[in-house]
Amino acid sequence: MAKVEIYVQDFCPYCARAKALLDRKGVAYREIYAPNGSAARAEAIARSGGRTTVPQVFINGVPVGGSDDLHALERAGRLDAMLAA
């Protein structure tokens, strides 16, 4: 199973949506609390190539984007293969 990390903050519906998709798939993930101005948010921005929003999802260290991007991978039938690697 792939190593999945997700940077989140409180009261974020997109974060909840991304985590719900991963939960439905039975994927274990590391949730990193990253509110605005935090060191974790700066880390997420650096790792994602400058994306400033949350959630930011990484699969095996590769940035895949946010909730919409994660759901697009699912609709395209590409997410399962990424998670199995």
N, C-alpha and C. Protein backbone atom coordinates (compact mmCIF):
# COMPACT_ATOMS: atom_id res chain seq x y z
N MET A 1 0.85 -1.18 0.00
CA MET A 1 0.00 0.00 0.00
C MET A 1 0.88 1.23 0.00
N ALA A 2 0.44 2.25 -0.68
CA ALA A 2 1.20 3.49 -0.82
C ALA A 2 1.21 4.27 0.50
N LYS A 3 2.23 5.11 0.64
CA LYS A 3 2.31 6.04 1.77
C LYS A 3 1.52 7.29 1.37
N VAL A 4 0.47 7.60 2.13
CA VAL A 4 -0.39 8.73 1.82
C VAL A 4 -0.32 9.74 2.97
N GLU A 5 -0.10 11.00 2.60
CA GLU A 5 -0.08 12.09 3.57
C GLU A 5 -1.06 13.15 3.10
N ILE A 6 -1.76 13.77 4.06
CA ILE A 6 -2.71 14.81 3.72
C ILE A 6 -2.58 15.95 4.73
N TYR A 7 -2.32 17.14 4.20
CA TYR A 7 -2.24 18.34 5.02
C TYR A 7 -3.64 18.94 5.10
N VAL A 8 -4.10 19.25 6.33
CA VAL A 8 -5.46 19.71 6.56
C VAL A 8 -5.49 20.86 7.56
N GLN A 9 -6.68 21.48 7.66
CA GLN A 9 -6.93 22.44 8.73
C GLN A 9 -8.36 22.25 9.20
N ASP A 10 -8.69 22.85 10.33
CA ASP A 10 -10.03 22.76 10.90
C ASP A 10 -11.07 23.42 10.00
N PHE A 11 -12.29 22.92 10.06
CA PHE A 11 -13.44 23.50 9.37
C PHE A 11 -13.23 23.62 7.87
N CYS A 12 -12.61 22.62 7.29
CA CYS A 12 -12.30 22.63 5.86
C CYS A 12 -13.13 21.53 5.19
N PRO A 13 -14.18 21.92 4.46
CA PRO A 13 -15.02 20.90 3.83
C PRO A 13 -14.27 20.10 2.76
N TYR A 14 -13.31 20.72 2.09
CA TYR A 14 -12.54 20.01 1.08
C TYR A 14 -11.63 18.97 1.73
N CYS A 15 -11.10 19.30 2.90
CA CYS A 15 -10.29 18.33 3.65
C CYS A 15 -11.14 17.12 4.04
N ALA A 16 -12.34 17.41 4.55
CA ALA A 16 -13.25 16.33 4.95
C ALA A 16 -13.62 15.46 3.74
N ARG A 17 -13.83 16.09 2.60
CA ARG A 17 -14.21 15.34 1.39
C ARG A 17 -13.06 14.44 0.93
N ALA A 18 -11.84 14.95 0.95
CA ALA A 18 -10.69 14.15 0.54
C ALA A 18 -10.48 12.98 1.50
N LYS A 19 -10.57 13.25 2.80
CA LYS A 19 -10.39 12.17 3.78
C LYS A 19 -11.50 11.13 3.66
N ALA A 20 -12.71 11.58 3.37
CA ALA A 20 -13.83 10.63 3.22
C ALA A 20 -13.58 9.68 2.05
N LEU A 21 -13.05 10.19 0.95
CA LEU A 21 -12.74 9.33 -0.19
C LEU A 21 -11.69 8.30 0.20
N LEU A 22 -10.63 8.75 0.87
CA LEU A 22 -9.57 7.82 1.29
C LEU A 22 -10.13 6.81 2.29
N ASP A 23 -10.98 7.26 3.20
CA ASP A 23 -11.59 6.35 4.17
C ASP A 23 -12.46 5.29 3.48
N ARG A 24 -13.26 5.72 2.50
CA ARG A 24 -14.11 4.76 1.76
C ARG A 24 -13.27 3.70 1.06
N LYS A 25 -12.08 4.08 0.65
CA LYS A 25 -11.19 3.13 -0.03
C LYS A 25 -10.38 2.30 0.95
N GLY A 26 -10.50 2.59 2.24
CA GLY A 26 -9.77 1.84 3.26
C GLY A 26 -8.29 2.17 3.29
N VAL A 27 -7.95 3.38 2.87
CA VAL A 27 -6.55 3.79 2.79
C VAL A 27 -6.11 4.39 4.11
N ALA A 28 -4.99 3.90 4.63
CA ALA A 28 -4.38 4.51 5.81
C ALA A 28 -3.60 5.74 5.34
N TYR A 29 -3.72 6.82 6.08
CA TYR A 29 -3.01 8.03 5.70
C TYR A 29 -2.54 8.76 6.95
N ARG A 30 -1.52 9.56 6.75
CA ARG A 30 -1.00 10.42 7.82
C ARG A 30 -1.63 11.80 7.64
N GLU A 31 -2.37 12.23 8.63
CA GLU A 31 -3.02 13.54 8.60
C GLU A 31 -2.12 14.54 9.31
N ILE A 32 -1.80 15.63 8.61
CA ILE A 32 -0.90 16.65 9.15
C ILE A 32 -1.69 17.94 9.30
N TYR A 33 -1.83 18.41 10.52
CA TYR A 33 -2.57 19.63 10.79
C TYR A 33 -1.73 20.82 10.33
N ALA A 34 -2.27 21.62 9.41
CA ALA A 34 -1.48 22.69 8.77
C ALA A 34 -2.30 23.97 8.62
N PRO A 35 -2.61 24.64 9.75
CA PRO A 35 -3.35 25.89 9.64
C PRO A 35 -2.50 27.00 9.01
N ASN A 36 -3.16 28.05 8.53
CA ASN A 36 -2.44 29.18 7.94
C ASN A 36 -1.37 29.69 8.89
N GLY A 37 -0.20 29.99 8.33
CA GLY A 37 0.88 30.55 9.12
C GLY A 37 1.72 29.55 9.88
N SER A 38 1.37 28.29 9.82
CA SER A 38 2.11 27.28 10.59
C SER A 38 3.31 26.75 9.78
N ALA A 39 4.23 26.15 10.49
CA ALA A 39 5.38 25.52 9.83
C ALA A 39 4.91 24.37 8.93
N ALA A 40 3.88 23.66 9.36
CA ALA A 40 3.36 22.55 8.54
C ALA A 40 2.77 23.08 7.23
N ARG A 41 2.11 24.24 7.27
CA ARG A 41 1.55 24.81 6.04
C ARG A 41 2.69 25.22 5.11
N ALA A 42 3.74 25.82 5.66
CA ALA A 42 4.90 26.19 4.85
C ALA A 42 5.52 24.96 4.21
N GLU A 43 5.58 23.87 4.95
CA GLU A 43 6.10 22.61 4.43
C GLU A 43 5.23 22.10 3.28
N ALA A 44 3.91 22.16 3.46
CA ALA A 44 2.98 21.71 2.41
C ALA A 44 3.16 22.55 1.15
N ILE A 45 3.30 23.85 1.31
CA ILE A 45 3.48 24.75 0.17
C ILE A 45 4.77 24.41 -0.57
N ALA A 46 5.84 24.20 0.18
CA ALA A 46 7.13 23.86 -0.44
C ALA A 46 7.06 22.52 -1.15
N ARG A 47 6.46 21.53 -0.52
CA ARG A 47 6.40 20.19 -1.11
C ARG A 47 5.50 20.12 -2.33
N SER A 48 4.47 20.97 -2.36
CA SER A 48 3.49 20.91 -3.45
C SER A 48 3.85 21.80 -4.63
N GLY A 49 4.97 22.46 -4.56
CA GLY A 49 5.37 23.33 -5.65
C GLY A 49 4.68 24.69 -5.63
N GLY A 50 4.24 25.11 -4.44
CA GLY A 50 3.67 26.44 -4.31
C GLY A 50 2.18 26.51 -4.09
N ARG A 51 1.51 25.38 -4.05
CA ARG A 51 0.06 25.41 -3.79
C ARG A 51 -0.18 25.82 -2.34
N THR A 52 -1.06 26.79 -2.16
CA THR A 52 -1.25 27.36 -0.82
C THR A 52 -2.52 26.89 -0.12
N THR A 53 -3.34 26.10 -0.78
CA THR A 53 -4.61 25.66 -0.19
C THR A 53 -4.47 24.29 0.46
N VAL A 54 -5.44 23.98 1.29
CA VAL A 54 -5.55 22.63 1.85
C VAL A 54 -6.88 22.06 1.39
N PRO A 55 -6.97 20.76 1.29
CA PRO A 55 -5.92 19.81 1.61
C PRO A 55 -4.86 19.75 0.51
N GLN A 56 -3.72 19.26 0.88
CA GLN A 56 -2.70 18.88 -0.09
C GLN A 56 -2.42 17.41 0.17
N VAL A 57 -2.55 16.61 -0.87
CA VAL A 57 -2.42 15.17 -0.75
C VAL A 57 -1.14 14.72 -1.46
N PHE A 58 -0.41 13.84 -0.79
CA PHE A 58 0.81 13.27 -1.35
C PHE A 58 0.70 11.76 -1.31
N ILE A 59 1.00 11.12 -2.42
CA ILE A 59 1.02 9.67 -2.49
C ILE A 59 2.43 9.25 -2.84
N ASN A 60 3.05 8.50 -1.93
CA ASN A 60 4.46 8.11 -2.07
C ASN A 60 5.34 9.32 -2.34
N GLY A 61 5.04 10.43 -1.63
CA GLY A 61 5.84 11.64 -1.73
C GLY A 61 5.55 12.51 -2.93
N VAL A 62 4.68 12.05 -3.81
CA VAL A 62 4.35 12.81 -5.02
C VAL A 62 3.10 13.64 -4.76
N PRO A 63 3.16 14.96 -5.01
CA PRO A 63 1.97 15.77 -4.80
C PRO A 63 0.91 15.47 -5.86
N VAL A 64 -0.31 15.17 -5.39
CA VAL A 64 -1.40 14.91 -6.33
C VAL A 64 -2.42 16.04 -6.32
N GLY A 65 -2.26 17.02 -5.43
CA GLY A 65 -3.15 18.16 -5.38
C GLY A 65 -4.12 18.08 -4.22
N GLY A 66 -5.26 18.72 -4.41
CA GLY A 66 -6.26 18.80 -3.36
C GLY A 66 -7.40 17.83 -3.57
N SER A 67 -8.51 18.14 -2.94
CA SER A 67 -9.68 17.27 -2.98
C SER A 67 -10.21 17.08 -4.40
N ASP A 68 -10.36 18.17 -5.14
CA ASP A 68 -10.87 18.05 -6.51
C ASP A 68 -9.95 17.20 -7.37
N ASP A 69 -8.64 17.36 -7.18
CA ASP A 69 -7.67 16.58 -7.95
C ASP A 69 -7.76 15.09 -7.58
N LEU A 70 -7.89 14.82 -6.29
CA LEU A 70 -8.01 13.44 -5.82
C LEU A 70 -9.26 12.78 -6.40
N HIS A 71 -10.37 13.50 -6.38
CA HIS A 71 -11.61 12.95 -6.93
C HIS A 71 -11.53 12.80 -8.45
N ALA A 72 -10.81 13.68 -9.12
CA ALA A 72 -10.63 13.55 -10.57
C ALA A 72 -9.83 12.29 -10.89
N LEU A 73 -8.82 11.99 -10.08
CA LEU A 73 -8.05 10.76 -10.28
C LEU A 73 -8.97 9.55 -10.10
N GLU A 74 -9.85 9.61 -9.12
CA GLU A 74 -10.79 8.51 -8.87
C GLU A 74 -11.73 8.34 -10.07
N ARG A 75 -12.30 9.43 -10.56
CA ARG A 75 -13.22 9.35 -11.71
C ARG A 75 -12.52 8.83 -12.95
N ALA A 76 -11.24 9.15 -13.11
CA ALA A 76 -10.48 8.71 -14.28
C ALA A 76 -10.00 7.27 -14.13
N GLY A 77 -10.23 6.66 -12.97
CA GLY A 77 -9.80 5.28 -12.76
C GLY A 77 -8.31 5.14 -12.50
N ARG A 78 -7.65 6.22 -12.08
CA ARG A 78 -6.21 6.19 -11.88
C ARG A 78 -5.79 6.12 -10.41
N LEU A 79 -6.70 6.43 -9.50
CA LEU A 79 -6.35 6.51 -8.10
C LEU A 79 -5.96 5.16 -7.51
N ASP A 80 -6.71 4.12 -7.81
CA ASP A 80 -6.42 2.80 -7.24
C ASP A 80 -5.01 2.33 -7.57
N ALA A 81 -4.58 2.55 -8.80
CA ALA A 81 -3.23 2.14 -9.19
C ALA A 81 -2.18 2.91 -8.41
N MET A 82 -2.43 4.19 -8.19
CA MET A 82 -1.48 5.00 -7.42
C MET A 82 -1.42 4.52 -5.97
N LEU A 83 -2.56 4.17 -5.43
CA LEU A 83 -2.60 3.73 -4.04
C LEU A 83 -2.04 2.33 -3.85
N ALA A 84 -2.02 1.53 -4.90
CA ALA A 84 -1.51 0.16 -4.80
C ALA A 84 0.01 0.12 -4.93
N ALA A 85 0.61 1.17 -5.47
CA ALA A 85 2.06 1.18 -5.72
C ALA A 85 2.86 1.28 -4.45
